[in-house]
Structures are given as structure tokens and as C-alpha cells.
Amino acid sequence: MFKNLDPLLHSQLRLAIISLLITVEEAEFSFLKDKTKATSGNLSVQIEKLREANYIKIEKSFKGKYPLTKCAITKKGIEAFEEYVSILQQYIKP
């Protein structure tokens, strides 16, 4: 029997965000926006959902006069991603 995939990570954009964050220490909002090709509004909503699940942490500050948002994956986010990949592999290689 197949295990259920994490619905939070099963979203294409949220999975892309987590996939990017797992490879870096932290990433600026503009980097995530550029790599995912998401709109600012959609990206904001999705990173907030990941933050609420404690999969990522968000740090807001200013760079000069401009707002700066940085995201980093948490231990819980790493574990969730690894579990997601493990379950997905079971679907591929039953």
C-alpha cells in the first residue's frame, strides 16, 4: 500500500521552494521568485504556508531603504522533504 504524500509539499510551487532551500543556507525572496517564476503575491502566500507548518523560517529586514525577506529551511522542513522524496520513490519503484 502506498503512503500518502504530504499535501503541503505536493503543491508544485511549495515543492519548488523547499527543493531550492534544501540546497542553500538561506535564500532571498527575489532569488526564490526568479527561480520559481512565481508572482510576488503567490510566492508570499506559499512561503507563509510553509512557515506556518514550521517547514521554513522567514527573516524580514531592510537593505538600505528596501525590504528584504530571507527564507531558510528548518529541521522539520528537511525531514518533511526527505520523507516526501522517500514516499515518492516508493511510487516510482513499487
PDB file of N, CA and C in Angstrom:
ATOM      1  N   MET A   1       0.835  -1.185   0.000  1.00  0.00           N
ATOM      2  CA  MET A   1       0.000   0.000   0.000  1.00  0.00           C
ATOM      3  C   MET A   1       0.881   1.250   0.000  1.00  0.00           C
ATOM      4  N   PHE A   2       0.499   2.220  -0.783  1.00  0.00           N
ATOM      5  CA  PHE A   2       1.260   3.457  -0.869  1.00  0.00           C
ATOM      6  C   PHE A   2       0.897   4.398   0.273  1.00  0.00           C
ATOM      7  N   LYS A   3       1.918   5.052   0.831  1.00  0.00           N
ATOM      8  CA  LYS A   3       1.687   6.075   1.851  1.00  0.00           C
ATOM      9  C   LYS A   3       1.230   7.347   1.162  1.00  0.00           C
ATOM     10  N   ASN A   4       0.529   8.186   1.905  1.00  0.00           N
ATOM     11  CA  ASN A   4       0.075   9.463   1.360  1.00  0.00           C
ATOM     12  C   ASN A   4       1.232  10.456   1.284  1.00  0.00           C
ATOM     13  N   LEU A   5       1.268  11.203   0.201  1.00  0.00           N
ATOM     14  CA  LEU A   5       2.251  12.270   0.061  1.00  0.00           C
ATOM     15  C   LEU A   5       1.794  13.479   0.884  1.00  0.00           C
ATOM     16  N   ASP A   6       2.750  14.177   1.453  1.00  0.00           N
ATOM     17  CA  ASP A   6       2.461  15.374   2.249  1.00  0.00           C
ATOM     18  C   ASP A   6       1.754  16.393   1.365  1.00  0.00           C
ATOM     19  N   PRO A   7       0.481  16.717   1.650  1.00  0.00           N
ATOM     20  CA  PRO A   7      -0.248  17.649   0.785  1.00  0.00           C
ATOM     21  C   PRO A   7       0.377  19.041   0.747  1.00  0.00           C
ATOM     22  N   LEU A   8       1.082  19.417   1.805  1.00  0.00           N
ATOM     23  CA  LEU A   8       1.722  20.727   1.819  1.00  0.00           C
ATOM     24  C   LEU A   8       2.856  20.786   0.798  1.00  0.00           C
ATOM     25  N   LEU A   9       3.574  19.688   0.651  1.00  0.00           N
ATOM     26  CA  LEU A   9       4.686  19.655  -0.310  1.00  0.00           C
ATOM     27  C   LEU A   9       4.252  19.202  -1.691  1.00  0.00           C
ATOM     28  N   HIS A  10       3.044  18.707  -1.799  1.00  0.00           N
ATOM     29  CA  HIS A  10       2.580  18.207  -3.092  1.00  0.00           C
ATOM     30  C   HIS A  10       2.199  19.338  -4.053  1.00  0.00           C
ATOM     31  N   SER A  11       2.158  20.558  -3.556  1.00  0.00           N
ATOM     32  CA  SER A  11       1.942  21.730  -4.409  1.00  0.00           C
ATOM     33  C   SER A  11       3.230  22.001  -5.184  1.00  0.00           C
ATOM     34  N   GLN A  12       3.109  22.232  -6.462  1.00  0.00           N
ATOM     35  CA  GLN A  12       4.291  22.433  -7.311  1.00  0.00           C
ATOM     36  C   GLN A  12       5.170  23.574  -6.800  1.00  0.00           C
ATOM     37  N   LEU A  13       4.578  24.711  -6.459  1.00  0.00           N
ATOM     38  CA  LEU A  13       5.376  25.858  -6.036  1.00  0.00           C
ATOM     39  C   LEU A  13       6.003  25.620  -4.666  1.00  0.00           C
ATOM     40  N   ARG A  14       5.256  25.071  -3.732  1.00  0.00           N
ATOM     41  CA  ARG A  14       5.836  24.817  -2.406  1.00  0.00           C
ATOM     42  C   ARG A  14       6.955  23.778  -2.490  1.00  0.00           C
ATOM     43  N   LEU A  15       6.785  22.772  -3.322  1.00  0.00           N
ATOM     44  CA  LEU A  15       7.836  21.775  -3.514  1.00  0.00           C
ATOM     45  C   LEU A  15       9.077  22.429  -4.138  1.00  0.00           C
ATOM     46  N   ALA A  16       8.869  23.321  -5.072  1.00  0.00           N
ATOM     47  CA  ALA A  16       9.997  24.035  -5.694  1.00  0.00           C
ATOM     48  C   ALA A  16      10.734  24.885  -4.661  1.00  0.00           C
ATOM     49  N   ILE A  17       9.999  25.564  -3.803  1.00  0.00           N
ATOM     50  CA  ILE A  17      10.614  26.403  -2.772  1.00  0.00           C
ATOM     51  C   ILE A  17      11.464  25.548  -1.840  1.00  0.00           C
ATOM     52  N   ILE A  18      10.884  24.466  -1.345  1.00  0.00           N
ATOM     53  CA  ILE A  18      11.609  23.570  -0.434  1.00  0.00           C
ATOM     54  C   ILE A  18      12.819  22.960  -1.136  1.00  0.00           C
ATOM     55  N   SER A  19      12.661  22.567  -2.395  1.00  0.00           N
ATOM     56  CA  SER A  19      13.771  21.981  -3.157  1.00  0.00           C
ATOM     57  C   SER A  19      14.930  22.963  -3.299  1.00  0.00           C
ATOM     58  N   LEU A  20      14.612  24.229  -3.474  1.00  0.00           N
ATOM     59  CA  LEU A  20      15.660  25.249  -3.565  1.00  0.00           C
ATOM     60  C   LEU A  20      16.302  25.481  -2.204  1.00  0.00           C
ATOM     61  N   LEU A  21      15.484  25.577  -1.165  1.00  0.00           N
ATOM     62  CA  LEU A  21      16.017  25.895   0.158  1.00  0.00           C
ATOM     63  C   LEU A  21      16.847  24.769   0.752  1.00  0.00           C
ATOM     64  N   ILE A  22      16.589  23.552   0.338  1.00  0.00           N
ATOM     65  CA  ILE A  22      17.362  22.429   0.881  1.00  0.00           C
ATOM     66  C   ILE A  22      18.805  22.451   0.388  1.00  0.00           C
ATOM     67  N   THR A  23      19.057  23.181  -0.684  1.00  0.00           N
ATOM     68  CA  THR A  23      20.402  23.220  -1.266  1.00  0.00           C
ATOM     69  C   THR A  23      21.221  24.443  -0.836  1.00  0.00           C
ATOM     70  N   VAL A  24      20.599  25.379  -0.114  1.00  0.00           N
ATOM     71  CA  VAL A  24      21.290  26.603   0.300  1.00  0.00           C
ATOM     72  C   VAL A  24      21.058  26.851   1.791  1.00  0.00           C
ATOM     73  N   GLU A  25      21.912  27.672   2.387  1.00  0.00           N
ATOM     74  CA  GLU A  25      21.737  28.005   3.802  1.00  0.00           C
ATOM     75  C   GLU A  25      20.512  28.891   3.991  1.00  0.00           C
ATOM     76  N   GLU A  26      20.342  29.870   3.105  1.00  0.00           N
ATOM     77  CA  GLU A  26      19.175  30.744   3.100  1.00  0.00           C
ATOM     78  C   GLU A  26      19.046  31.356   1.711  1.00  0.00           C
ATOM     79  N   ALA A  27      17.858  31.869   1.422  1.00  0.00           N
ATOM     80  CA  ALA A  27      17.643  32.463   0.102  1.00  0.00           C
ATOM     81  C   ALA A  27      16.768  33.699   0.245  1.00  0.00           C
ATOM     82  N   GLU A  28      17.087  34.710  -0.528  1.00  0.00           N
ATOM     83  CA  GLU A  28      16.278  35.917  -0.547  1.00  0.00           C
ATOM     84  C   GLU A  28      15.018  35.667  -1.364  1.00  0.00           C
ATOM     85  N   PHE A  29      13.988  36.418  -1.038  1.00  0.00           N
ATOM     86  CA  PHE A  29      12.712  36.324  -1.731  1.00  0.00           C
ATOM     87  C   PHE A  29      12.902  36.496  -3.236  1.00  0.00           C
ATOM     88  N   SER A  30      13.728  37.451  -3.629  1.00  0.00           N
ATOM     89  CA  SER A  30      13.943  37.726  -5.052  1.00  0.00           C
ATOM     90  C   SER A  30      14.576  36.518  -5.763  1.00  0.00           C
ATOM     91  N   PHE A  31      15.461  35.798  -5.077  1.00  0.00           N
ATOM     92  CA  PHE A  31      16.069  34.592  -5.636  1.00  0.00           C
ATOM     93  C   PHE A  31      14.996  33.528  -5.874  1.00  0.00           C
ATOM     94  N   LEU A  32      14.152  33.299  -4.862  1.00  0.00           N
ATOM     95  CA  LEU A  32      13.082  32.312  -4.990  1.00  0.00           C
ATOM     96  C   LEU A  32      12.110  32.699  -6.100  1.00  0.00           C
ATOM     97  N   LYS A  33      11.795  33.982  -6.174  1.00  0.00           N
ATOM     98  CA  LYS A  33      10.873  34.465  -7.207  1.00  0.00           C
ATOM     99  C   LYS A  33      11.455  34.232  -8.595  1.00  0.00           C
ATOM    100  N   ASP A  34      12.731  34.529  -8.753  1.00  0.00           N
ATOM    101  CA  ASP A  34      13.399  34.352 -10.045  1.00  0.00           C
ATOM    102  C   ASP A  34      13.454  32.874 -10.439  1.00  0.00           C
ATOM    103  N   LYS A  35      13.832  32.020  -9.504  1.00  0.00           N
ATOM    104  CA  LYS A  35      13.996  30.595  -9.814  1.00  0.00           C
ATOM    105  C   LYS A  35      12.664  29.886 -10.057  1.00  0.00           C
ATOM    106  N   THR A  36      11.613  30.286  -9.337  1.00  0.00           N
ATOM    107  CA  THR A  36      10.323  29.605  -9.474  1.00  0.00           C
ATOM    108  C   THR A  36       9.428  30.240 -10.535  1.00  0.00           C
ATOM    109  N   LYS A  37       9.753  31.450 -10.952  1.00  0.00           N
ATOM    110  CA  LYS A  37       8.949  32.212 -11.916  1.00  0.00           C
ATOM    111  C   LYS A  37       7.542  32.507 -11.370  1.00  0.00           C
ATOM    112  N   ALA A  38       7.414  32.518 -10.039  1.00  0.00           N
ATOM    113  CA  ALA A  38       6.129  32.797  -9.404  1.00  0.00           C
ATOM    114  C   ALA A  38       5.926  34.306  -9.292  1.00  0.00           C
ATOM    115  N   THR A  39       4.676  34.706  -9.159  1.00  0.00           N
ATOM    116  CA  THR A  39       4.390  36.114  -8.895  1.00  0.00           C
ATOM    117  C   THR A  39       4.725  36.400  -7.438  1.00  0.00           C
ATOM    118  N   SER A  40       4.960  37.651  -7.121  1.00  0.00           N
ATOM    119  CA  SER A  40       5.274  38.032  -5.744  1.00  0.00           C
ATOM    120  C   SER A  40       4.165  37.610  -4.792  1.00  0.00           C
ATOM    121  N   GLY A  41       2.921  37.863  -5.199  1.00  0.00           N
ATOM    122  CA  GLY A  41       1.778  37.540  -4.349  1.00  0.00           C
ATOM    123  C   GLY A  41       1.662  36.052  -4.083  1.00  0.00           C
ATOM    124  N   ASN A  42       1.766  35.239  -5.124  1.00  0.00           N
ATOM    125  CA  ASN A  42       1.649  33.795  -4.961  1.00  0.00           C
ATOM    126  C   ASN A  42       2.813  33.252  -4.131  1.00  0.00           C
ATOM    127  N   LEU A  43       4.009  33.732  -4.388  1.00  0.00           N
ATOM    128  CA  LEU A  43       5.168  33.278  -3.627  1.00  0.00           C
ATOM    129  C   LEU A  43       5.013  33.639  -2.152  1.00  0.00           C
ATOM    130  N   SER A  44       4.528  34.833  -1.869  1.00  0.00           N
ATOM    131  CA  SER A  44       4.316  35.260  -0.483  1.00  0.00           C
ATOM    132  C   SER A  44       3.346  34.334   0.239  1.00  0.00           C
ATOM    133  N   VAL A  45       2.248  33.996  -0.422  1.00  0.00           N
ATOM    134  CA  VAL A  45       1.248  33.115   0.175  1.00  0.00           C
ATOM    135  C   VAL A  45       1.843  31.736   0.449  1.00  0.00           C
ATOM    136  N   GLN A  46       2.606  31.216  -0.492  1.00  0.00           N
ATOM    137  CA  GLN A  46       3.146  29.861  -0.347  1.00  0.00           C
ATOM    138  C   GLN A  46       4.247  29.783   0.710  1.00  0.00           C
ATOM    139  N   ILE A  47       5.102  30.799   0.791  1.00  0.00           N
ATOM    140  CA  ILE A  47       6.133  30.754   1.832  1.00  0.00           C
ATOM    141  C   ILE A  47       5.494  30.923   3.214  1.00  0.00           C
ATOM    142  N   GLU A  48       4.406  31.653   3.293  1.00  0.00           N
ATOM    143  CA  GLU A  48       3.703  31.795   4.569  1.00  0.00           C
ATOM    144  C   GLU A  48       3.104  30.450   4.999  1.00  0.00           C
ATOM    145  N   LYS A  49       2.558  29.690   4.066  1.00  0.00           N
ATOM    146  CA  LYS A  49       2.026  28.362   4.389  1.00  0.00           C
ATOM    147  C   LYS A  49       3.142  27.448   4.893  1.00  0.00           C
ATOM    148  N   LEU A  50       4.302  27.523   4.257  1.00  0.00           N
ATOM    149  CA  LEU A  50       5.434  26.711   4.697  1.00  0.00           C
ATOM    150  C   LEU A  50       5.938  27.165   6.069  1.00  0.00           C
ATOM    151  N   ARG A  51       5.890  28.465   6.328  1.00  0.00           N
ATOM    152  CA  ARG A  51       6.295  28.992   7.635  1.00  0.00           C
ATOM    153  C   ARG A  51       5.329  28.532   8.723  1.00  0.00           C
ATOM    154  N   GLU A  52       4.030  28.592   8.426  1.00  0.00           N
ATOM    155  CA  GLU A  52       3.021  28.168   9.400  1.00  0.00           C
ATOM    156  C   GLU A  52       3.195  26.696   9.779  1.00  0.00           C
ATOM    157  N   ALA A  53       3.664  25.882   8.854  1.00  0.00           N
ATOM    158  CA  ALA A  53       3.903  24.459   9.116  1.00  0.00           C
ATOM    159  C   ALA A  53       5.267  24.235   9.772  1.00  0.00           C
ATOM    160  N   ASN A  54       6.008  25.313   9.973  1.00  0.00           N
ATOM    161  CA  ASN A  54       7.359  25.260  10.536  1.00  0.00           C
ATOM    162  C   ASN A  54       8.334  24.499   9.632  1.00  0.00           C
ATOM    163  N   TYR A  55       8.082  24.534   8.322  1.00  0.00           N
ATOM    164  CA  TYR A  55       8.993  23.923   7.350  1.00  0.00           C
ATOM    165  C   TYR A  55      10.106  24.899   6.965  1.00  0.00           C
ATOM    166  N   ILE A  56       9.812  26.197   7.070  1.00  0.00           N
ATOM    167  CA  ILE A  56      10.824  27.217   6.799  1.00  0.00           C
ATOM    168  C   ILE A  56      10.712  28.306   7.856  1.00  0.00           C
ATOM    169  N   LYS A  57      11.774  29.083   7.964  1.00  0.00           N
ATOM    170  CA  LYS A  57      11.721  30.281   8.800  1.00  0.00           C
ATOM    171  C   LYS A  57      11.935  31.473   7.882  1.00  0.00           C
ATOM    172  N   ILE A  58      11.318  32.565   8.240  1.00  0.00           N
ATOM    173  CA  ILE A  58      11.384  33.783   7.429  1.00  0.00           C
ATOM    174  C   ILE A  58      11.961  34.899   8.286  1.00  0.00           C
ATOM    175  N   GLU A  59      12.913  35.613   7.720  1.00  0.00           N
ATOM    176  CA  GLU A  59      13.520  36.755   8.399  1.00  0.00           C
ATOM    177  C   GLU A  59      13.286  37.988   7.536  1.00  0.00           C
ATOM    178  N   LYS A  60      12.640  38.981   8.132  1.00  0.00           N
ATOM    179  CA  LYS A  60      12.378  40.220   7.400  1.00  0.00           C
ATOM    180  C   LYS A  60      13.241  41.329   7.982  1.00  0.00           C
ATOM    181  N   SER A  61      13.848  42.086   7.074  1.00  0.00           N
ATOM    182  CA  SER A  61      14.699  43.204   7.478  1.00  0.00           C
ATOM    183  C   SER A  61      14.692  44.238   6.357  1.00  0.00           C
ATOM    184  N   PHE A  62      15.642  45.142   6.406  1.00  0.00           N
ATOM    185  CA  PHE A  62      15.778  46.131   5.345  1.00  0.00           C
ATOM    186  C   PHE A  62      17.202  46.120   4.817  1.00  0.00           C
ATOM    187  N   LYS A  63      17.322  46.337   3.526  1.00  0.00           N
ATOM    188  CA  LYS A  63      18.619  46.509   2.870  1.00  0.00           C
ATOM    189  C   LYS A  63      18.590  47.937   2.359  1.00  0.00           C
ATOM    190  N   GLY A  64      19.179  48.824   3.126  1.00  0.00           N
ATOM    191  CA  GLY A  64      19.027  50.245   2.827  1.00  0.00           C
ATOM    192  C   GLY A  64      17.589  50.636   3.127  1.00  0.00           C
ATOM    193  N   LYS A  65      16.915  51.190   2.145  1.00  0.00           N
ATOM    194  CA  LYS A  65      15.519  51.597   2.297  1.00  0.00           C
ATOM    195  C   LYS A  65      14.539  50.524   1.843  1.00  0.00           C
ATOM    196  N   TYR A  66      15.047  49.404   1.350  1.00  0.00           N
ATOM    197  CA  TYR A  66      14.183  48.397   0.742  1.00  0.00           C
ATOM    198  C   TYR A  66      13.982  47.183   1.656  1.00  0.00           C
ATOM    199  N   PRO A  67      12.766  46.668   1.683  1.00  0.00           N
ATOM    200  CA  PRO A  67      12.527  45.476   2.500  1.00  0.00           C
ATOM    201  C   PRO A  67      13.282  44.270   1.940  1.00  0.00           C
ATOM    202  N   LEU A  68      13.734  43.412   2.846  1.00  0.00           N
ATOM    203  CA  LEU A  68      14.487  42.223   2.464  1.00  0.00           C
ATOM    204  C   LEU A  68      13.896  41.033   3.221  1.00  0.00           C
ATOM    205  N   THR A  69      13.474  40.023   2.493  1.00  0.00           N
ATOM    206  CA  THR A  69      12.926  38.810   3.090  1.00  0.00           C
ATOM    207  C   THR A  69      13.852  37.655   2.749  1.00  0.00           C
ATOM    208  N   LYS A  70      14.291  36.956   3.804  1.00  0.00           N
ATOM    209  CA  LYS A  70      15.149  35.787   3.627  1.00  0.00           C
ATOM    210  C   LYS A  70      14.432  34.573   4.188  1.00  0.00           C
ATOM    211  N   CYS A  71      14.573  33.452   3.507  1.00  0.00           N
ATOM    212  CA  CYS A  71      13.950  32.200   3.930  1.00  0.00           C
ATOM    213  C   CYS A  71      15.030  31.144   4.116  1.00  0.00           C
ATOM    214  N   ALA A  72      14.796  30.279   5.094  1.00  0.00           N
ATOM    215  CA  ALA A  72      15.699  29.149   5.339  1.00  0.00           C
ATOM    216  C   ALA A  72      14.855  27.954   5.751  1.00  0.00           C
ATOM    217  N   ILE A  73      15.284  26.786   5.345  1.00  0.00           N
ATOM    218  CA  ILE A  73      14.560  25.567   5.696  1.00  0.00           C
ATOM    219  C   ILE A  73      14.874  25.199   7.147  1.00  0.00           C
ATOM    220  N   THR A  74      13.904  24.646   7.837  1.00  0.00           N
ATOM    221  CA  THR A  74      14.079  24.209   9.216  1.00  0.00           C
ATOM    222  C   THR A  74      14.371  22.703   9.244  1.00  0.00           C
ATOM    223  N   LYS A  75      14.712  22.211  10.420  1.00  0.00           N
ATOM    224  CA  LYS A  75      14.932  20.770  10.578  1.00  0.00           C
ATOM    225  C   LYS A  75      13.656  20.014  10.216  1.00  0.00           C
ATOM    226  N   LYS A  76      12.516  20.526  10.653  1.00  0.00           N
ATOM    227  CA  LYS A  76      11.240  19.881  10.334  1.00  0.00           C
ATOM    228  C   LYS A  76      11.002  19.881   8.827  1.00  0.00           C
ATOM    229  N   GLY A  77      11.383  20.964   8.149  1.00  0.00           N
ATOM    230  CA  GLY A  77      11.242  21.046   6.700  1.00  0.00           C
ATOM    231  C   GLY A  77      12.123  20.039   5.978  1.00  0.00           C
ATOM    232  N   ILE A  78      13.345  19.876   6.474  1.00  0.00           N
ATOM    233  CA  ILE A  78      14.267  18.895   5.878  1.00  0.00           C
ATOM    234  C   ILE A  78      13.687  17.493   6.038  1.00  0.00           C
ATOM    235  N   GLU A  79      13.214  17.188   7.234  1.00  0.00           N
ATOM    236  CA  GLU A  79      12.637  15.873   7.489  1.00  0.00           C
ATOM    237  C   GLU A  79      11.411  15.622   6.613  1.00  0.00           C
ATOM    238  N   ALA A  80      10.556  16.636   6.472  1.00  0.00           N
ATOM    239  CA  ALA A  80       9.351  16.500   5.649  1.00  0.00           C
ATOM    240  C   ALA A  80       9.725  16.267   4.183  1.00  0.00           C
ATOM    241  N   PHE A  81      10.732  16.997   3.699  1.00  0.00           N
ATOM    242  CA  PHE A  81      11.174  16.842   2.316  1.00  0.00           C
ATOM    243  C   PHE A  81      11.756  15.452   2.082  1.00  0.00           C
ATOM    244  N   GLU A  82      12.597  14.995   3.011  1.00  0.00           N
ATOM    245  CA  GLU A  82      13.201  13.668   2.872  1.00  0.00           C
ATOM    246  C   GLU A  82      12.134  12.576   2.891  1.00  0.00           C
ATOM    247  N   GLU A  83      11.133  12.721   3.742  1.00  0.00           N
ATOM    248  CA  GLU A  83      10.033  11.756   3.805  1.00  0.00           C
ATOM    249  C   GLU A  83       9.231  11.784   2.505  1.00  0.00           C
ATOM    250  N   TYR A  84       8.983  12.982   1.983  1.00  0.00           N
ATOM    251  CA  TYR A  84       8.245  13.139   0.728  1.00  0.00           C
ATOM    252  C   TYR A  84       8.975  12.413  -0.404  1.00  0.00           C
ATOM    253  N   VAL A  85      10.274  12.637  -0.497  1.00  0.00           N
ATOM    254  CA  VAL A  85      11.077  12.007  -1.544  1.00  0.00           C
ATOM    255  C   VAL A  85      11.080  10.491  -1.373  1.00  0.00           C
ATOM    256  N   SER A  86      11.199  10.032  -0.146  1.00  0.00           N
ATOM    257  CA  SER A  86      11.203   8.599   0.130  1.00  0.00           C
ATOM    258  C   SER A  86       9.886   7.949  -0.304  1.00  0.00           C
ATOM    259  N   ILE A  87       8.783   8.582   0.035  1.00  0.00           N
ATOM    260  CA  ILE A  87       7.470   8.045  -0.357  1.00  0.00           C
ATOM    261  C   ILE A  87       7.312   8.094  -1.873  1.00  0.00           C
ATOM    262  N   LEU A  88       7.740   9.173  -2.483  1.00  0.00           N
ATOM    263  CA  LEU A  88       7.648   9.300  -3.935  1.00  0.00           C
ATOM    264  C   LEU A  88       8.455   8.199  -4.627  1.00  0.00           C
ATOM    265  N   GLN A  89       9.601   7.859  -4.067  1.00  0.00           N
ATOM    266  CA  GLN A  89      10.414   6.774  -4.637  1.00  0.00           C
ATOM    267  C   GLN A  89       9.669   5.448  -4.574  1.00  0.00           C
ATOM    268  N   GLN A  90       8.862   5.259  -3.554  1.00  0.00           N
ATOM    269  CA  GLN A  90       8.059   4.037  -3.451  1.00  0.00           C
ATOM    270  C   GLN A  90       7.023   3.965  -4.579  1.00  0.00           C
ATOM    271  N   TYR A  91       6.513   5.109  -4.987  1.00  0.00           N
ATOM    272  CA  TYR A  91       5.564   5.162  -6.096  1.00  0.00           C
ATOM    273  C   TYR A  91       6.277   4.789  -7.408  1.00  0.00           C
ATOM    274  N   ILE A  92       7.521   5.233  -7.532  1.00  0.00           N
ATOM    275  CA  ILE A  92       8.279   5.008  -8.757  1.00  0.00           C
ATOM    276  C   ILE A  92       8.783   3.567  -8.842  1.00  0.00           C
ATOM    277  N   LYS A  93       9.230   3.030  -7.701  1.00  0.00           N
ATOM    278  CA  LYS A  93       9.784   1.674  -7.655  1.00  0.00           C
ATOM    279  C   LYS A  93       8.971   0.831  -6.684  1.00  0.00           C
ATOM    280  N   PRO A  94       7.766   0.418  -7.068  1.00  0.00           N
ATOM    281  CA  PRO A  94       6.945  -0.364  -6.136  1.00  0.00           C
ATOM    282  C   PRO A  94       7.510  -1.756  -5.882  1.00  0.00           C
TER     283      PRO A  94
END
